Amino acid sequence: MNTLGTAELLEALAAQPVKKLVVASSMSIYGEGRYVDAAGRPKQCVGRSSEQLRRGDWEVRDASGQALRPAPTPETKRPSLPSVYALSKYDQERLCLMLGAA
C-alpha cells in the first residue's frame, strides 16, 4: 500500500507541483537495529534463530548466548529489509527522494 499510495501521490504532484514534500520514515528499514554486549561493545547483524523463537525466547543474543541490550541506531546504518512493510517504506522514501531531486 505504501508504494501504490506514494506513486499515486507523486503522479498528482507532477500535475500540481508543491514546494516541499515531507515523508515519514520507519525504523523498520533498519531491521533489528543496534545492540551492545555487556561491555558496551556494539553488535550488528544480530537476530533470532528459528529454534530460539520456537522456545519463546525473544531476547537478542550474541554467539555465546548472552543477551544483548538495545542501543540507539544511527541513520547511517545500512538498510536491512526483513519484511514487506520495511521494503515498502524504503521504496517510498527512495521514490520521493528520486523524484524530488528531478
PDB file of N, CA and C in Angstrom:
ATOM      1  N   MET A   1       0.814  -1.186   0.000  1.00  0.00           N
ATOM      2  CA  MET A   1       0.000   0.000   0.000  1.00  0.00           C
ATOM      3  C   MET A   1       0.865   1.260   0.000  1.00  0.00           C
ATOM      4  N   ASN A   2       1.997   1.244   0.721  1.00  0.00           N
ATOM      5  CA  ASN A   2       2.877   2.416   0.725  1.00  0.00           C
ATOM      6  C   ASN A   2       3.339   2.766  -0.678  1.00  0.00           C
ATOM      7  N   THR A   3       3.724   1.764  -1.452  1.00  0.00           N
ATOM      8  CA  THR A   3       4.257   2.021  -2.785  1.00  0.00           C
ATOM      9  C   THR A   3       3.173   2.549  -3.718  1.00  0.00           C
ATOM     10  N   LEU A   4       2.022   1.912  -3.737  1.00  0.00           N
ATOM     11  CA  LEU A   4       0.934   2.361  -4.605  1.00  0.00           C
ATOM     12  C   LEU A   4       0.460   3.755  -4.208  1.00  0.00           C
ATOM     13  N   GLY A   5       0.243   3.975  -2.916  1.00  0.00           N
ATOM     14  CA  GLY A   5      -0.202   5.294  -2.452  1.00  0.00           C
ATOM     15  C   GLY A   5       0.799   6.387  -2.776  1.00  0.00           C
ATOM     16  N   THR A   6       2.077   6.080  -2.615  1.00  0.00           N
ATOM     17  CA  THR A   6       3.125   7.058  -2.916  1.00  0.00           C
ATOM     18  C   THR A   6       3.175   7.347  -4.413  1.00  0.00           C
ATOM     19  N   ALA A   7       3.057   6.311  -5.227  1.00  0.00           N
ATOM     20  CA  ALA A   7       3.058   6.510  -6.684  1.00  0.00           C
ATOM     21  C   ALA A   7       1.882   7.391  -7.103  1.00  0.00           C
ATOM     22  N   GLU A   8       0.716   7.157  -6.532  1.00  0.00           N
ATOM     23  CA  GLU A   8      -0.448   7.981  -6.868  1.00  0.00           C
ATOM     24  C   GLU A   8      -0.259   9.425  -6.403  1.00  0.00           C
ATOM     25  N   LEU A   9       0.308   9.604  -5.216  1.00  0.00           N
ATOM     26  CA  LEU A   9       0.578  10.955  -4.714  1.00  0.00           C
ATOM     27  C   LEU A   9       1.576  11.675  -5.621  1.00  0.00           C
ATOM     28  N   LEU A  10       2.656  10.997  -5.976  1.00  0.00           N
ATOM     29  CA  LEU A  10       3.677  11.625  -6.821  1.00  0.00           C
ATOM     30  C   LEU A  10       3.134  11.953  -8.207  1.00  0.00           C
ATOM     31  N   GLU A  11       2.263  11.109  -8.722  1.00  0.00           N
ATOM     32  CA  GLU A  11       1.634  11.398 -10.009  1.00  0.00           C
ATOM     33  C   GLU A  11       0.772  12.663  -9.905  1.00  0.00           C
ATOM     34  N   ALA A  12       0.024  12.806  -8.813  1.00  0.00           N
ATOM     35  CA  ALA A  12      -0.799  14.011  -8.611  1.00  0.00           C
ATOM     36  C   ALA A  12       0.088  15.242  -8.448  1.00  0.00           C
ATOM     37  N   LEU A  13       1.211  15.085  -7.762  1.00  0.00           N
ATOM     38  CA  LEU A  13       2.117  16.223  -7.567  1.00  0.00           C
ATOM     39  C   LEU A  13       2.808  16.640  -8.862  1.00  0.00           C
ATOM     40  N   ALA A  14       2.966  15.720  -9.781  1.00  0.00           N
ATOM     41  CA  ALA A  14       3.544  16.077 -11.086  1.00  0.00           C
ATOM     42  C   ALA A  14       2.615  17.038 -11.827  1.00  0.00           C
ATOM     43  N   ALA A  15       1.310  16.852 -11.630  1.00  0.00           N
ATOM     44  CA  ALA A  15       0.327  17.730 -12.274  1.00  0.00           C
ATOM     45  C   ALA A  15       0.113  19.018 -11.489  1.00  0.00           C
ATOM     46  N   GLN A  16       0.335  18.959 -10.185  1.00  0.00           N
ATOM     47  CA  GLN A  16       0.119  20.120  -9.305  1.00  0.00           C
ATOM     48  C   GLN A  16       1.316  20.215  -8.351  1.00  0.00           C
ATOM     49  N   PRO A  17       2.441  20.775  -8.817  1.00  0.00           N
ATOM     50  CA  PRO A  17       3.673  20.787  -8.006  1.00  0.00           C
ATOM     51  C   PRO A  17       3.520  21.525  -6.678  1.00  0.00           C
ATOM     52  N   VAL A  18       4.310  21.096  -5.705  1.00  0.00           N
ATOM     53  CA  VAL A  18       4.394  21.743  -4.394  1.00  0.00           C
ATOM     54  C   VAL A  18       5.853  22.103  -4.134  1.00  0.00           C
ATOM     55  N   LYS A  19       6.078  22.976  -3.139  1.00  0.00           N
ATOM     56  CA  LYS A  19       7.450  23.381  -2.811  1.00  0.00           C
ATOM     57  C   LYS A  19       8.178  22.337  -1.977  1.00  0.00           C
ATOM     58  N   LYS A  20       7.433  21.605  -1.149  1.00  0.00           N
ATOM     59  CA  LYS A  20       8.083  20.680  -0.231  1.00  0.00           C
ATOM     60  C   LYS A  20       7.206  19.455  -0.004  1.00  0.00           C
ATOM     61  N   LEU A  21       7.839  18.298   0.049  1.00  0.00           N
ATOM     62  CA  LEU A  21       7.158  17.043   0.366  1.00  0.00           C
ATOM     63  C   LEU A  21       7.881  16.429   1.565  1.00  0.00           C
ATOM     64  N   VAL A  22       7.159  16.169   2.625  1.00  0.00           N
ATOM     65  CA  VAL A  22       7.733  15.567   3.830  1.00  0.00           C
ATOM     66  C   VAL A  22       7.297  14.105   3.877  1.00  0.00           C
ATOM     67  N   VAL A  23       8.264  13.216   4.028  1.00  0.00           N
ATOM     68  CA  VAL A  23       7.988  11.786   4.073  1.00  0.00           C
ATOM     69  C   VAL A  23       8.422  11.236   5.430  1.00  0.00           C
ATOM     70  N   ALA A  24       7.533  10.528   6.086  1.00  0.00           N
ATOM     71  CA  ALA A  24       7.866   9.907   7.373  1.00  0.00           C
ATOM     72  C   ALA A  24       8.534   8.560   7.122  1.00  0.00           C
ATOM     73  N   SER A  25       9.702   8.391   7.681  1.00  0.00           N
ATOM     74  CA  SER A  25      10.414   7.131   7.547  1.00  0.00           C
ATOM     75  C   SER A  25       9.907   6.149   8.596  1.00  0.00           C
ATOM     76  N   SER A  26      10.544   5.005   8.651  1.00  0.00           N
ATOM     77  CA  SER A  26      10.207   3.994   9.650  1.00  0.00           C
ATOM     78  C   SER A  26      11.484   3.301  10.085  1.00  0.00           C
ATOM     79  N   MET A  27      11.606   3.081  11.387  1.00  0.00           N
ATOM     80  CA  MET A  27      12.787   2.377  11.874  1.00  0.00           C
ATOM     81  C   MET A  27      12.842   0.946  11.364  1.00  0.00           C
ATOM     82  N   SER A  28      11.724   0.448  10.841  1.00  0.00           N
ATOM     83  CA  SER A  28      11.705  -0.934  10.362  1.00  0.00           C
ATOM     84  C   SER A  28      12.673  -1.167   9.212  1.00  0.00           C
ATOM     85  N   ILE A  29      13.075  -0.099   8.494  1.00  0.00           N
ATOM     86  CA  ILE A  29      14.002  -0.311   7.377  1.00  0.00           C
ATOM     87  C   ILE A  29      15.395  -0.705   7.853  1.00  0.00           C
ATOM     88  N   TYR A  30      15.677  -0.531   9.146  1.00  0.00           N
ATOM     89  CA  TYR A  30      16.985  -0.896   9.696  1.00  0.00           C
ATOM     90  C   TYR A  30      17.019  -2.315  10.237  1.00  0.00           C
ATOM     91  N   GLY A  31      15.916  -3.034  10.160  1.00  0.00           N
ATOM     92  CA  GLY A  31      15.893  -4.397  10.688  1.00  0.00           C
ATOM     93  C   GLY A  31      15.950  -4.389  12.200  1.00  0.00           C
ATOM     94  N   GLU A  32      16.785  -5.209  12.782  1.00  0.00           N
ATOM     95  CA  GLU A  32      16.864  -5.362  14.230  1.00  0.00           C
ATOM     96  C   GLU A  32      17.394  -4.134  14.954  1.00  0.00           C
ATOM     97  N   GLY A  33      18.035  -3.261  14.265  1.00  0.00           N
ATOM     98  CA  GLY A  33      18.607  -2.118  14.966  1.00  0.00           C
ATOM     99  C   GLY A  33      19.980  -2.452  15.496  1.00  0.00           C
ATOM    100  N   ARG A  34      20.403  -1.696  16.472  1.00  0.00           N
ATOM    101  CA  ARG A  34      21.753  -1.856  17.018  1.00  0.00           C
ATOM    102  C   ARG A  34      21.659  -2.389  18.443  1.00  0.00           C
ATOM    103  N   TYR A  35      22.589  -3.236  18.794  1.00  0.00           N
ATOM    104  CA  TYR A  35      22.660  -3.802  20.141  1.00  0.00           C
ATOM    105  C   TYR A  35      24.086  -3.717  20.649  1.00  0.00           C
ATOM    106  N   VAL A  36      24.238  -3.733  21.971  1.00  0.00           N
ATOM    107  CA  VAL A  36      25.562  -3.752  22.593  1.00  0.00           C
ATOM    108  C   VAL A  36      25.631  -4.929  23.555  1.00  0.00           C
ATOM    109  N   ASP A  37      26.848  -5.428  23.758  1.00  0.00           N
ATOM    110  CA  ASP A  37      27.034  -6.521  24.711  1.00  0.00           C
ATOM    111  C   ASP A  37      27.202  -5.950  26.118  1.00  0.00           C
ATOM    112  N   ALA A  38      27.480  -6.804  27.083  1.00  0.00           N
ATOM    113  CA  ALA A  38      27.600  -6.381  28.481  1.00  0.00           C
ATOM    114  C   ALA A  38      28.707  -5.356  28.687  1.00  0.00           C
ATOM    115  N   ALA A  39      29.726  -5.378  27.830  1.00  0.00           N
ATOM    116  CA  ALA A  39      30.840  -4.425  27.936  1.00  0.00           C
ATOM    117  C   ALA A  39      30.552  -3.126  27.177  1.00  0.00           C
ATOM    118  N   GLY A  40      29.390  -3.049  26.527  1.00  0.00           N
ATOM    119  CA  GLY A  40      29.044  -1.845  25.780  1.00  0.00           C
ATOM    120  C   GLY A  40      29.553  -1.816  24.355  1.00  0.00           C
ATOM    121  N   ARG A  41      30.119  -2.951  23.887  1.00  0.00           N
ATOM    122  CA  ARG A  41      30.619  -3.024  22.507  1.00  0.00           C
ATOM    123  C   ARG A  41      29.450  -3.238  21.553  1.00  0.00           C
ATOM    124  N   PRO A  42      29.397  -2.467  20.457  1.00  0.00           N
ATOM    125  CA  PRO A  42      28.287  -2.636  19.512  1.00  0.00           C
ATOM    126  C   PRO A  42      28.315  -3.988  18.814  1.00  0.00           C
ATOM    127  N   LYS A  43      27.141  -4.543  18.637  1.00  0.00           N
ATOM    128  CA  LYS A  43      26.965  -5.810  17.911  1.00  0.00           C
ATOM    129  C   LYS A  43      25.930  -5.568  16.831  1.00  0.00           C
ATOM    130  N   GLN A  44      26.317  -5.758  15.577  1.00  0.00           N
ATOM    131  CA  GLN A  44      25.380  -5.574  14.481  1.00  0.00           C
ATOM    132  C   GLN A  44      25.123  -6.903  13.791  1.00  0.00           C
ATOM    133  N   CYS A  45      24.140  -6.904  12.924  1.00  0.00           N
ATOM    134  CA  CYS A  45      23.764  -8.106  12.180  1.00  0.00           C
ATOM    135  C   CYS A  45      23.385  -9.236  13.134  1.00  0.00           C
ATOM    136  N   VAL A  46      22.667  -8.886  14.179  1.00  0.00           N
ATOM    137  CA  VAL A  46      22.202  -9.898  15.124  1.00  0.00           C
ATOM    138  C   VAL A  46      20.754 -10.231  14.800  1.00  0.00           C
ATOM    139  N   GLY A  47      20.316 -11.360  15.240  1.00  0.00           N
ATOM    140  CA  GLY A  47      18.937 -11.767  15.009  1.00  0.00           C
ATOM    141  C   GLY A  47      18.571 -12.898  15.938  1.00  0.00           C
ATOM    142  N   ARG A  48      17.448 -13.501  15.664  1.00  0.00           N
ATOM    143  CA  ARG A  48      16.970 -14.610  16.479  1.00  0.00           C
ATOM    144  C   ARG A  48      16.823 -15.828  15.569  1.00  0.00           C
ATOM    145  N   SER A  49      17.271 -16.973  16.046  1.00  0.00           N
ATOM    146  CA  SER A  49      17.152 -18.196  15.248  1.00  0.00           C
ATOM    147  C   SER A  49      15.714 -18.714  15.331  1.00  0.00           C
ATOM    148  N   SER A  50      15.349 -19.537  14.374  1.00  0.00           N
ATOM    149  CA  SER A  50      14.022 -20.153  14.387  1.00  0.00           C
ATOM    150  C   SER A  50      13.835 -20.987  15.649  1.00  0.00           C
ATOM    151  N   GLU A  51      14.876 -21.708  16.043  1.00  0.00           N
ATOM    152  CA  GLU A  51      14.796 -22.531  17.259  1.00  0.00           C
ATOM    153  C   GLU A  51      14.551 -21.662  18.488  1.00  0.00           C
ATOM    154  N   GLN A  52      15.247 -20.561  18.577  1.00  0.00           N
ATOM    155  CA  GLN A  52      15.079 -19.646  19.710  1.00  0.00           C
ATOM    156  C   GLN A  52      13.633 -19.136  19.762  1.00  0.00           C
ATOM    157  N   LEU A  53      13.090 -18.771  18.626  1.00  0.00           N
ATOM    158  CA  LEU A  53      11.713 -18.278  18.591  1.00  0.00           C
ATOM    159  C   LEU A  53      10.718 -19.374  18.951  1.00  0.00           C
ATOM    160  N   ARG A  54      10.980 -20.616  18.528  1.00  0.00           N
ATOM    161  CA  ARG A  54      10.099 -21.737  18.908  1.00  0.00           C
ATOM    162  C   ARG A  54      10.076 -21.939  20.420  1.00  0.00           C
ATOM    163  N   ARG A  55      11.198 -21.661  21.076  1.00  0.00           N
ATOM    164  CA  ARG A  55      11.261 -21.787  22.540  1.00  0.00           C
ATOM    165  C   ARG A  55      10.564 -20.626  23.249  1.00  0.00           C
ATOM    166  N   GLY A  56      10.193 -19.595  22.489  1.00  0.00           N
ATOM    167  CA  GLY A  56       9.577 -18.417  23.103  1.00  0.00           C
ATOM    168  C   GLY A  56      10.602 -17.484  23.726  1.00  0.00           C
ATOM    169  N   ASP A  57      11.848 -17.585  23.294  1.00  0.00           N
ATOM    170  CA  ASP A  57      12.933 -16.735  23.792  1.00  0.00           C
ATOM    171  C   ASP A  57      13.096 -15.572  22.821  1.00  0.00           C
ATOM    172  N   TRP A  58      12.643 -14.397  23.217  1.00  0.00           N
ATOM    173  CA  TRP A  58      12.621 -13.239  22.325  1.00  0.00           C
ATOM    174  C   TRP A  58      13.853 -12.354  22.463  1.00  0.00           C
ATOM    175  N   GLU A  59      14.739 -12.669  23.410  1.00  0.00           N
ATOM    176  CA  GLU A  59      15.937 -11.852  23.613  1.00  0.00           C
ATOM    177  C   GLU A  59      16.875 -11.961  22.419  1.00  0.00           C
ATOM    178  N   VAL A  60      17.526 -10.855  22.096  1.00  0.00           N
ATOM    179  CA  VAL A  60      18.577 -10.881  21.081  1.00  0.00           C
ATOM    180  C   VAL A  60      19.859 -11.272  21.802  1.00  0.00           C
ATOM    181  N   ARG A  61      20.549 -12.285  21.286  1.00  0.00           N
ATOM    182  CA  ARG A  61      21.723 -12.843  21.958  1.00  0.00           C
ATOM    183  C   ARG A  61      22.928 -12.844  21.035  1.00  0.00           C
ATOM    184  N   ASP A  62      24.116 -12.828  21.652  1.00  0.00           N
ATOM    185  CA  ASP A  62      25.341 -12.932  20.860  1.00  0.00           C
ATOM    186  C   ASP A  62      25.645 -14.403  20.588  1.00  0.00           C
ATOM    187  N   ALA A  63      26.761 -14.665  19.925  1.00  0.00           N
ATOM    188  CA  ALA A  63      27.120 -16.034  19.549  1.00  0.00           C
ATOM    189  C   ALA A  63      27.290 -16.953  20.747  1.00  0.00           C
ATOM    190  N   SER A  64      27.643 -16.385  21.920  1.00  0.00           N
ATOM    191  CA  SER A  64      27.822 -17.225  23.107  1.00  0.00           C
ATOM    192  C   SER A  64      26.533 -17.381  23.905  1.00  0.00           C
ATOM    193  N   GLY A  65      25.450 -16.774  23.423  1.00  0.00           N
ATOM    194  CA  GLY A  65      24.159 -16.925  24.098  1.00  0.00           C
ATOM    195  C   GLY A  65      23.834 -15.834  25.105  1.00  0.00           C
ATOM    196  N   GLN A  66      24.722 -14.867  25.280  1.00  0.00           N
ATOM    197  CA  GLN A  66      24.477 -13.774  26.223  1.00  0.00           C
ATOM    198  C   GLN A  66      23.501 -12.763  25.628  1.00  0.00           C
ATOM    199  N   ALA A  67      22.556 -12.316  26.456  1.00  0.00           N
ATOM    200  CA  ALA A  67      21.574 -11.329  25.993  1.00  0.00           C
ATOM    201  C   ALA A  67      22.265 -10.001  25.700  1.00  0.00           C
ATOM    202  N   LEU A  68      21.818  -9.356  24.638  1.00  0.00           N
ATOM    203  CA  LEU A  68      22.338  -8.051  24.257  1.00  0.00           C
ATOM    204  C   LEU A  68      21.326  -6.978  24.637  1.00  0.00           C
ATOM    205  N   ARG A  69      21.819  -5.750  24.824  1.00  0.00           N
ATOM    206  CA  ARG A  69      20.953  -4.614  25.156  1.00  0.00           C
ATOM    207  C   ARG A  69      20.716  -3.773  23.915  1.00  0.00           C
ATOM    208  N   PRO A  70      19.474  -3.291  23.725  1.00  0.00           N
ATOM    209  CA  PRO A  70      19.235  -2.379  22.602  1.00  0.00           C
ATOM    210  C   PRO A  70      19.968  -1.063  22.812  1.00  0.00           C
ATOM    211  N   ALA A  71      20.417  -0.468  21.723  1.00  0.00           N
ATOM    212  CA  ALA A  71      21.128   0.808  21.763  1.00  0.00           C
ATOM    213  C   ALA A  71      20.599   1.675  20.615  1.00  0.00           C
ATOM    214  N   PRO A  72      20.789   2.987  20.703  1.00  0.00           N
ATOM    215  CA  PRO A  72      20.322   3.844  19.609  1.00  0.00           C
ATOM    216  C   PRO A  72      20.917   3.408  18.266  1.00  0.00           C
ATOM    217  N   THR A  73      20.081   3.398  17.256  1.00  0.00           N
ATOM    218  CA  THR A  73      20.504   3.007  15.916  1.00  0.00           C
ATOM    219  C   THR A  73      20.733   4.255  15.083  1.00  0.00           C
ATOM    220  N   PRO A  74      21.947   4.481  14.604  1.00  0.00           N
ATOM    221  CA  PRO A  74      22.203   5.681  13.799  1.00  0.00           C
ATOM    222  C   PRO A  74      21.575   5.559  12.410  1.00  0.00           C
ATOM    223  N   GLU A  75      21.216   6.678  11.841  1.00  0.00           N
ATOM    224  CA  GLU A  75      20.636   6.670  10.499  1.00  0.00           C
ATOM    225  C   GLU A  75      21.659   6.293   9.435  1.00  0.00           C
ATOM    226  N   THR A  76      22.921   6.198   9.820  1.00  0.00           N
ATOM    227  CA  THR A  76      23.954   5.769   8.880  1.00  0.00           C
ATOM    228  C   THR A  76      23.976   4.254   8.705  1.00  0.00           C
ATOM    229  N   LYS A  77      23.243   3.537   9.563  1.00  0.00           N
ATOM    230  CA  LYS A  77      23.186   2.075   9.439  1.00  0.00           C
ATOM    231  C   LYS A  77      22.558   1.710   8.096  1.00  0.00           C
ATOM    232  N   ARG A  78      23.135   0.743   7.442  1.00  0.00           N
ATOM    233  CA  ARG A  78      22.609   0.302   6.144  1.00  0.00           C
ATOM    234  C   ARG A  78      21.232  -0.309   6.331  1.00  0.00           C
ATOM    235  N   PRO A  79      20.331  -0.083   5.385  1.00  0.00           N
ATOM    236  CA  PRO A  79      19.009  -0.708   5.488  1.00  0.00           C
ATOM    237  C   PRO A  79      19.108  -2.231   5.482  1.00  0.00           C
ATOM    238  N   SER A  80      18.234  -2.834   6.234  1.00  0.00           N
ATOM    239  CA  SER A  80      18.070  -4.283   6.267  1.00  0.00           C
ATOM    240  C   SER A  80      16.566  -4.489   6.198  1.00  0.00           C
ATOM    241  N   LEU A  81      16.080  -5.028   5.119  1.00  0.00           N
ATOM    242  CA  LEU A  81      14.648  -5.023   4.839  1.00  0.00           C
ATOM    243  C   LEU A  81      14.038  -6.403   5.095  1.00  0.00           C
ATOM    244  N   PRO A  82      13.719  -6.704   6.363  1.00  0.00           N
ATOM    245  CA  PRO A  82      13.277  -8.048   6.711  1.00  0.00           C
ATOM    246  C   PRO A  82      11.791  -8.317   6.517  1.00  0.00           C
ATOM    247  N   SER A  83      11.022  -7.324   6.076  1.00  0.00           N
ATOM    248  CA  SER A  83       9.584  -7.524   5.923  1.00  0.00           C
ATOM    249  C   SER A  83       9.068  -6.754   4.718  1.00  0.00           C
ATOM    250  N   VAL A  84       7.873  -7.095   4.283  1.00  0.00           N
ATOM    251  CA  VAL A  84       7.239  -6.384   3.175  1.00  0.00           C
ATOM    252  C   VAL A  84       7.042  -4.921   3.556  1.00  0.00           C
ATOM    253  N   TYR A  85       6.644  -4.679   4.806  1.00  0.00           N
ATOM    254  CA  TYR A  85       6.449  -3.299   5.259  1.00  0.00           C
ATOM    255  C   TYR A  85       7.748  -2.505   5.163  1.00  0.00           C
ATOM    256  N   ALA A  86       8.851  -3.069   5.639  1.00  0.00           N
ATOM    257  CA  ALA A  86      10.146  -2.377   5.596  1.00  0.00           C
ATOM    258  C   ALA A  86      10.540  -2.077   4.153  1.00  0.00           C
ATOM    259  N   LEU A  87      10.358  -3.040   3.275  1.00  0.00           N
ATOM    260  CA  LEU A  87      10.684  -2.838   1.866  1.00  0.00           C
ATOM    261  C   LEU A  87       9.825  -1.729   1.259  1.00  0.00           C
ATOM    262  N   SER A  88       8.534  -1.717   1.585  1.00  0.00           N
ATOM    263  CA  SER A  88       7.652  -0.697   1.005  1.00  0.00           C
ATOM    264  C   SER A  88       7.978   0.695   1.544  1.00  0.00           C
ATOM    265  N   LYS A  89       8.375   0.803   2.813  1.00  0.00           N
ATOM    266  CA  LYS A  89       8.764   2.101   3.362  1.00  0.00           C
ATOM    267  C   LYS A  89      10.058   2.591   2.712  1.00  0.00           C
ATOM    268  N   TYR A  90      10.991   1.695   2.505  1.00  0.00           N
ATOM    269  CA  TYR A  90      12.245   2.063   1.843  1.00  0.00           C
ATOM    270  C   TYR A  90      11.961   2.515   0.406  1.00  0.00           C
ATOM    271  N   ASP A  91      11.113   1.768  -0.285  1.00  0.00           N
ATOM    272  CA  ASP A  91      10.729   2.112  -1.648  1.00  0.00           C
ATOM    273  C   ASP A  91      10.071   3.498  -1.678  1.00  0.00           C
ATOM    274  N   GLN A  92       9.195   3.761  -0.725  1.00  0.00           N
ATOM    275  CA  GLN A  92       8.521   5.060  -0.633  1.00  0.00           C
ATOM    276  C   GLN A  92       9.535   6.190  -0.484  1.00  0.00           C
ATOM    277  N   GLU A  93      10.465   6.021   0.412  1.00  0.00           N
ATOM    278  CA  GLU A  93      11.491   7.048   0.636  1.00  0.00           C
ATOM    279  C   GLU A  93      12.312   7.299  -0.625  1.00  0.00           C
ATOM    280  N   ARG A  94      12.762   6.219  -1.247  1.00  0.00           N
ATOM    281  CA  ARG A  94      13.610   6.364  -2.434  1.00  0.00           C
ATOM    282  C   ARG A  94      12.845   7.019  -3.578  1.00  0.00           C
ATOM    283  N   LEU A  95      11.581   6.649  -3.773  1.00  0.00           N
ATOM    284  CA  LEU A  95      10.774   7.281  -4.818  1.00  0.00           C
ATOM    285  C   LEU A  95      10.670   8.776  -4.603  1.00  0.00           C
ATOM    286  N   CYS A  96      10.379   9.183  -3.368  1.00  0.00           N
ATOM    287  CA  CYS A  96      10.229  10.601  -3.064  1.00  0.00           C
ATOM    288  C   CYS A  96      11.540  11.363  -3.233  1.00  0.00           C
ATOM    289  N   LEU A  97      12.635  10.779  -2.774  1.00  0.00           N
ATOM    290  CA  LEU A  97      13.936  11.437  -2.918  1.00  0.00           C
ATOM    291  C   LEU A  97      14.335  11.550  -4.397  1.00  0.00           C
ATOM    292  N   MET A  98      14.102  10.486  -5.138  1.00  0.00           N
ATOM    293  CA  MET A  98      14.464  10.474  -6.549  1.00  0.00           C
ATOM    294  C   MET A  98      13.661  11.509  -7.337  1.00  0.00           C
ATOM    295  N   LEU A  99      12.360  11.516  -7.142  1.00  0.00           N
ATOM    296  CA  LEU A  99      11.537  12.472  -7.884  1.00  0.00           C
ATOM    297  C   LEU A  99      11.710  13.891  -7.371  1.00  0.00           C
ATOM    298  N   GLY A 100      12.002  14.032  -6.076  1.00  0.00           N
ATOM    299  CA  GLY A 100      12.283  15.364  -5.539  1.00  0.00           C
ATOM    300  C   GLY A 100      13.539  15.950  -6.145  1.00  0.00           C
ATOM    301  N   ALA A 101      14.538  15.126  -6.361  1.00  0.00           N
ATOM    302  CA  ALA A 101      15.791  15.600  -6.963  1.00  0.00           C
ATOM    303  C   ALA A 101      15.608  15.953  -8.438  1.00  0.00           C
ATOM    304  N   ALA A 102      14.672  15.260  -9.084  1.00  0.00           N
ATOM    305  CA  ALA A 102      14.432  15.508 -10.501  1.00  0.00           C
ATOM    306  C   ALA A 102      13.674  16.814 -10.678  1.00  0.00           C
TER     307      ALA A 102
END
